[in-house]
Amino acid sequence: MSDQPSVRFKLNNSELWGGLIGLALGIFVIRSGLKLKLGTIHDPGSGFVLFYTGILMCVFAAAIIVASLTEGGPTFGTRWKDARWTKPVIVIVCLTVFAVALEWAGFLLSSITLVLLLMRLIDPVRWPLAVPISILVPTGMWWLLKHGLGILLPSGIFGIG
C-alpha cells in the first residue's frame, strides 16, 4: 500500500465536466480571436481582447479541472439536490419576455415592466418603493444611454424614446 492519495476519476463529477466545457469554450474563443487578427499591444486588432480572454478562460477552466481531479467534487445528483427552481425560472421567463417585447414595446416600457416584475416576484419589495425605483432606474439608464452615450434604443409602438 502506498501513502499517496489516489486520484479517483468519477464520470459524474459536475466540476470536472464544467471545467472541460469551460476549457472547450476558451479554446473556441482563442481560435475566434486568432481568426480576427491579434495586432500588437500598441495597435490591437479586432481579435486581441478575444484571444487573451480565451487564454484566461482556459487557465481558470484548467484550475477547475485540476481541483476536481485532486479534491473530487460534487456529482450531478448532489449538485441539484434540494435546488429551488421557482425564482430562477421566473427570472428566465421575465428576461425572455423582455427580449421579445423590447422592439415592440420599446426600451422604457419593457424595462420598467421588467424591473417592477423582478422587484415584486423575486425578492418582494413594497409597492411604494418598487414603483418609483422601477420607473426611475430604467428612465435614468435610458437617459444615460441615449443622451450621454448617443446609443439609439427601441422606441416601440408608442414612440417613447
C-alpha atoms as a PDB file:
ATOM      1  CA  MET A   1       0.000   0.000   0.000  1.00  0.00           C
ATOM      2  CA  SER A   2       1.226   3.477  -0.755  1.00  0.00           C
ATOM      3  CA  ASP A   3       0.691   6.559   1.361  1.00  0.00           C
ATOM      4  CA  GLN A   4      -0.052   8.738  -1.642  1.00  0.00           C
ATOM      5  CA  PRO A   5      -3.666   9.716  -2.209  1.00  0.00           C
ATOM      6  CA  SER A   6      -5.159   8.158  -5.293  1.00  0.00           C
ATOM      7  CA  VAL A   7      -6.955  10.269  -7.844  1.00  0.00           C
ATOM      8  CA  ARG A   8     -10.392   8.820  -8.401  1.00  0.00           C
ATOM      9  CA  PHE A   9     -11.952   9.785 -11.672  1.00  0.00           C
ATOM     10  CA  LYS A  10     -15.728   9.999 -11.429  1.00  0.00           C
ATOM     11  CA  LEU A  11     -17.645  10.491 -14.660  1.00  0.00           C
ATOM     12  CA  ASN A  12     -20.486  12.241 -12.851  1.00  0.00           C
ATOM     13  CA  ASN A  13     -18.220  14.856 -11.235  1.00  0.00           C
ATOM     14  CA  SER A  14     -20.010  18.062 -12.214  1.00  0.00           C
ATOM     15  CA  GLU A  15     -16.992  20.303 -11.565  1.00  0.00           C
ATOM     16  CA  LEU A  16     -14.871  18.216 -13.924  1.00  0.00           C
ATOM     17  CA  TRP A  17     -17.459  18.475 -16.702  1.00  0.00           C
ATOM     18  CA  GLY A  18     -17.916  22.191 -16.067  1.00  0.00           C
ATOM     19  CA  GLY A  19     -14.158  22.677 -16.323  1.00  0.00           C
ATOM     20  CA  LEU A  20     -13.976  20.647 -19.551  1.00  0.00           C
ATOM     21  CA  ILE A  21     -16.799  22.666 -21.090  1.00  0.00           C
ATOM     22  CA  GLY A  22     -15.107  25.891 -19.962  1.00  0.00           C
ATOM     23  CA  LEU A  23     -11.834  24.711 -21.492  1.00  0.00           C
ATOM     24  CA  ALA A  24     -13.541  23.911 -24.812  1.00  0.00           C
ATOM     25  CA  LEU A  25     -15.240  27.305 -24.800  1.00  0.00           C
ATOM     26  CA  GLY A  26     -11.920  29.014 -24.014  1.00  0.00           C
ATOM     27  CA  ILE A  27     -10.242  27.237 -26.937  1.00  0.00           C
ATOM     28  CA  PHE A  28     -13.096  28.339 -29.208  1.00  0.00           C
ATOM     29  CA  VAL A  29     -12.673  31.960 -28.050  1.00  0.00           C
ATOM     30  CA  ILE A  30      -8.900  31.784 -28.634  1.00  0.00           C
ATOM     31  CA  ARG A  31      -9.433  30.445 -32.174  1.00  0.00           C
ATOM     32  CA  SER A  32     -12.010  33.148 -32.860  1.00  0.00           C
ATOM     33  CA  GLY A  33      -9.553  35.806 -31.709  1.00  0.00           C
ATOM     34  CA  LEU A  34      -6.828  34.403 -33.935  1.00  0.00           C
ATOM     35  CA  LYS A  35      -9.126  34.492 -36.967  1.00  0.00           C
ATOM     36  CA  LEU A  36      -9.783  38.217 -36.394  1.00  0.00           C
ATOM     37  CA  LYS A  37      -6.097  39.292 -36.260  1.00  0.00           C
ATOM     38  CA  LEU A  38      -4.397  39.989 -32.953  1.00  0.00           C
ATOM     39  CA  GLY A  39      -2.369  43.074 -33.706  1.00  0.00           C
ATOM     40  CA  THR A  40       0.037  44.324 -31.051  1.00  0.00           C
ATOM     41  CA  ILE A  41      -0.299  45.795 -27.593  1.00  0.00           C
ATOM     42  CA  HIS A  42       0.102  49.290 -29.093  1.00  0.00           C
ATOM     43  CA  ASP A  43      -2.108  48.613 -32.115  1.00  0.00           C
ATOM     44  CA  PRO A  44      -4.574  45.878 -31.103  1.00  0.00           C
ATOM     45  CA  GLY A  45      -6.566  44.135 -33.778  1.00  0.00           C
ATOM     46  CA  SER A  46     -10.197  43.101 -33.516  1.00  0.00           C
ATOM     47  CA  GLY A  47      -9.260  39.691 -32.075  1.00  0.00           C
ATOM     48  CA  PHE A  48      -6.863  40.992 -29.409  1.00  0.00           C
ATOM     49  CA  VAL A  49      -9.303  41.030 -26.479  1.00  0.00           C
ATOM     50  CA  LEU A  50     -10.966  37.773 -27.562  1.00  0.00           C
ATOM     51  CA  PHE A  51      -7.640  35.953 -27.728  1.00  0.00           C
ATOM     52  CA  TYR A  52      -6.475  36.967 -24.269  1.00  0.00           C
ATOM     53  CA  THR A  53      -9.921  36.456 -22.769  1.00  0.00           C
ATOM     54  CA  GLY A  54      -9.829  32.913 -24.164  1.00  0.00           C
ATOM     55  CA  ILE A  55      -6.444  32.316 -22.551  1.00  0.00           C
ATOM     56  CA  LEU A  56      -7.816  33.455 -19.179  1.00  0.00           C
ATOM     57  CA  MET A  57     -10.841  31.216 -19.646  1.00  0.00           C
ATOM     58  CA  CYS A  58      -8.576  28.238 -20.317  1.00  0.00           C
ATOM     59  CA  VAL A  59      -6.428  28.983 -17.258  1.00  0.00           C
ATOM     60  CA  PHE A  60      -9.475  29.205 -14.986  1.00  0.00           C
ATOM     61  CA  ALA A  61     -11.005  26.077 -16.540  1.00  0.00           C
ATOM     62  CA  ALA A  62      -7.742  24.174 -16.062  1.00  0.00           C
ATOM     63  CA  ALA A  63      -7.702  25.190 -12.392  1.00  0.00           C
ATOM     64  CA  ILE A  64     -11.254  23.855 -12.007  1.00  0.00           C
ATOM     65  CA  ILE A  65     -10.304  20.600 -13.744  1.00  0.00           C
ATOM     66  CA  VAL A  66      -7.221  20.098 -11.566  1.00  0.00           C
ATOM     67  CA  ALA A  67      -9.199  20.845  -8.392  1.00  0.00           C
ATOM     68  CA  SER A  68     -11.962  18.451  -9.389  1.00  0.00           C
ATOM     69  CA  LEU A  69      -9.469  15.658 -10.071  1.00  0.00           C
ATOM     70  CA  THR A  70      -7.426  16.152  -6.908  1.00  0.00           C
ATOM     71  CA  GLU A  71     -10.180  17.006  -4.446  1.00  0.00           C
ATOM     72  CA  GLY A  72     -13.115  15.260  -6.037  1.00  0.00           C
ATOM     73  CA  GLY A  73     -16.265  17.255  -6.359  1.00  0.00           C
ATOM     74  CA  PRO A  74     -19.986  17.102  -6.201  1.00  0.00           C
ATOM     75  CA  THR A  75     -21.782  14.749  -8.506  1.00  0.00           C
ATOM     76  CA  PHE A  76     -24.651  15.836 -10.729  1.00  0.00           C
ATOM     77  CA  GLY A  77     -27.175  14.321  -8.347  1.00  0.00           C
ATOM     78  CA  THR A  78     -25.828  16.042  -5.240  1.00  0.00           C
ATOM     79  CA  ARG A  79     -25.378  19.341  -7.084  1.00  0.00           C
ATOM     80  CA  TRP A  80     -29.106  19.656  -7.841  1.00  0.00           C
ATOM     81  CA  LYS A  81     -30.466  18.022  -4.707  1.00  0.00           C
ATOM     82  CA  ASP A  82     -32.759  20.417  -2.829  1.00  0.00           C
ATOM     83  CA  ALA A  83     -32.449  23.036  -5.583  1.00  0.00           C
ATOM     84  CA  ARG A  84     -35.173  25.659  -5.593  1.00  0.00           C
ATOM     85  CA  TRP A  85     -36.154  26.344  -9.191  1.00  0.00           C
ATOM     86  CA  THR A  86     -39.047  28.764  -8.826  1.00  0.00           C
ATOM     87  CA  LYS A  87     -37.141  32.059  -8.761  1.00  0.00           C
ATOM     88  CA  PRO A  88     -34.583  31.197 -11.455  1.00  0.00           C
ATOM     89  CA  VAL A  89     -37.404  30.090 -13.768  1.00  0.00           C
ATOM     90  CA  ILE A  90     -39.287  33.340 -13.080  1.00  0.00           C
ATOM     91  CA  VAL A  91     -36.166  35.374 -13.944  1.00  0.00           C
ATOM     92  CA  ILE A  92     -35.607  33.399 -17.164  1.00  0.00           C
ATOM     93  CA  VAL A  93     -39.239  33.855 -18.216  1.00  0.00           C
ATOM     94  CA  CYS A  94     -39.176  37.589 -17.409  1.00  0.00           C
ATOM     95  CA  LEU A  95     -35.934  38.111 -19.359  1.00  0.00           C
ATOM     96  CA  THR A  96     -37.262  36.118 -22.315  1.00  0.00           C
ATOM     97  CA  VAL A  97     -40.469  38.166 -22.425  1.00  0.00           C
ATOM     98  CA  PHE A  98     -38.366  41.344 -22.104  1.00  0.00           C
ATOM     99  CA  ALA A  99     -36.179  40.317 -25.053  1.00  0.00           C
ATOM    100  CA  VAL A 100     -39.214  39.515 -27.192  1.00  0.00           C
ATOM    101  CA  ALA A 101     -41.097  42.675 -26.217  1.00  0.00           C
ATOM    102  CA  LEU A 102     -38.156  45.091 -26.476  1.00  0.00           C
ATOM    103  CA  GLU A 103     -38.641  46.034 -30.134  1.00  0.00           C
ATOM    104  CA  TRP A 104     -42.428  46.114 -29.937  1.00  0.00           C
ATOM    105  CA  ALA A 105     -42.902  47.894 -26.586  1.00  0.00           C
ATOM    106  CA  GLY A 106     -39.685  49.917 -26.611  1.00  0.00           C
ATOM    107  CA  PHE A 107     -36.865  50.173 -24.128  1.00  0.00           C
ATOM    108  CA  LEU A 108     -38.591  52.293 -21.491  1.00  0.00           C
ATOM    109  CA  LEU A 109     -41.887  50.435 -21.269  1.00  0.00           C
ATOM    110  CA  SER A 110     -40.337  46.961 -21.347  1.00  0.00           C
ATOM    111  CA  SER A 111     -37.563  47.903 -18.882  1.00  0.00           C
ATOM    112  CA  ILE A 112     -39.947  49.485 -16.384  1.00  0.00           C
ATOM    113  CA  THR A 113     -42.151  46.392 -16.556  1.00  0.00           C
ATOM    114  CA  LEU A 114     -39.170  44.054 -16.173  1.00  0.00           C
ATOM    115  CA  VAL A 115     -37.751  45.851 -13.132  1.00  0.00           C
ATOM    116  CA  LEU A 116     -41.173  46.062 -11.472  1.00  0.00           C
ATOM    117  CA  LEU A 117     -41.869  42.359 -12.033  1.00  0.00           C
ATOM    118  CA  LEU A 118     -38.463  41.310 -10.738  1.00  0.00           C
ATOM    119  CA  MET A 119     -38.744  43.551  -7.687  1.00  0.00           C
ATOM    120  CA  ARG A 120     -42.159  42.173  -6.791  1.00  0.00           C
ATOM    121  CA  LEU A 121     -41.673  38.490  -7.700  1.00  0.00           C
ATOM    122  CA  ILE A 122     -38.074  37.640  -6.804  1.00  0.00           C
ATOM    123  CA  ASP A 123     -37.420  39.412  -3.530  1.00  0.00           C
ATOM    124  CA  PRO A 124     -40.711  41.200  -2.860  1.00  0.00           C
ATOM    125  CA  VAL A 125     -40.283  44.919  -2.311  1.00  0.00           C
ATOM    126  CA  ARG A 126     -43.180  47.017  -1.030  1.00  0.00           C
ATOM    127  CA  TRP A 127     -45.222  48.729  -3.777  1.00  0.00           C
ATOM    128  CA  PRO A 128     -44.436  52.285  -2.552  1.00  0.00           C
ATOM    129  CA  LEU A 129     -40.740  51.553  -3.062  1.00  0.00           C
ATOM    130  CA  ALA A 130     -40.950  49.214  -6.076  1.00  0.00           C
ATOM    131  CA  VAL A 131     -42.935  51.566  -8.334  1.00  0.00           C
ATOM    132  CA  PRO A 132     -40.646  54.633  -8.112  1.00  0.00           C
ATOM    133  CA  ILE A 133     -37.484  52.514  -8.411  1.00  0.00           C
ATOM    134  CA  SER A 134     -38.857  50.621 -11.411  1.00  0.00           C
ATOM    135  CA  ILE A 135     -39.609  53.941 -13.117  1.00  0.00           C
ATOM    136  CA  LEU A 136     -36.531  55.938 -12.110  1.00  0.00           C
ATOM    137  CA  VAL A 137     -33.828  53.330 -12.777  1.00  0.00           C
ATOM    138  CA  PRO A 138     -34.834  52.456 -16.372  1.00  0.00           C
ATOM    139  CA  THR A 139     -35.523  56.132 -17.111  1.00  0.00           C
ATOM    140  CA  GLY A 140     -32.088  57.068 -15.807  1.00  0.00           C
ATOM    141  CA  MET A 141     -30.469  54.317 -17.853  1.00  0.00           C
ATOM    142  CA  TRP A 142     -32.428  55.390 -20.937  1.00  0.00           C
ATOM    143  CA  TRP A 143     -31.289  58.998 -20.491  1.00  0.00           C
ATOM    144  CA  LEU A 144     -27.659  57.972 -19.949  1.00  0.00           C
ATOM    145  CA  LEU A 145     -27.625  55.631 -22.926  1.00  0.00           C
ATOM    146  CA  LYS A 146     -29.465  57.990 -25.277  1.00  0.00           C
ATOM    147  CA  HIS A 147     -28.122  61.392 -24.307  1.00  0.00           C
ATOM    148  CA  GLY A 148     -24.855  60.558 -22.559  1.00  0.00           C
ATOM    149  CA  LEU A 149     -23.571  57.861 -24.905  1.00  0.00           C
ATOM    150  CA  GLY A 150     -25.658  58.533 -28.016  1.00  0.00           C
ATOM    151  CA  ILE A 151     -26.994  54.984 -28.264  1.00  0.00           C
ATOM    152  CA  LEU A 152     -30.254  54.529 -30.149  1.00  0.00           C
ATOM    153  CA  LEU A 153     -32.772  52.436 -28.225  1.00  0.00           C
ATOM    154  CA  PRO A 154     -36.029  50.915 -29.479  1.00  0.00           C
ATOM    155  CA  SER A 155     -38.907  53.366 -29.010  1.00  0.00           C
ATOM    156  CA  GLY A 156     -41.690  50.836 -29.550  1.00  0.00           C
ATOM    157  CA  ILE A 157     -45.231  51.306 -30.812  1.00  0.00           C
ATOM    158  CA  PHE A 158     -45.850  54.332 -28.604  1.00  0.00           C
ATOM    159  CA  GLY A 159     -42.765  56.180 -29.871  1.00  0.00           C
ATOM    160  CA  ILE A 160     -41.420  56.717 -26.360  1.00  0.00           C
ATOM    161  CA  GLY A 161     -37.715  57.279 -26.503  1.00  0.00           C
END
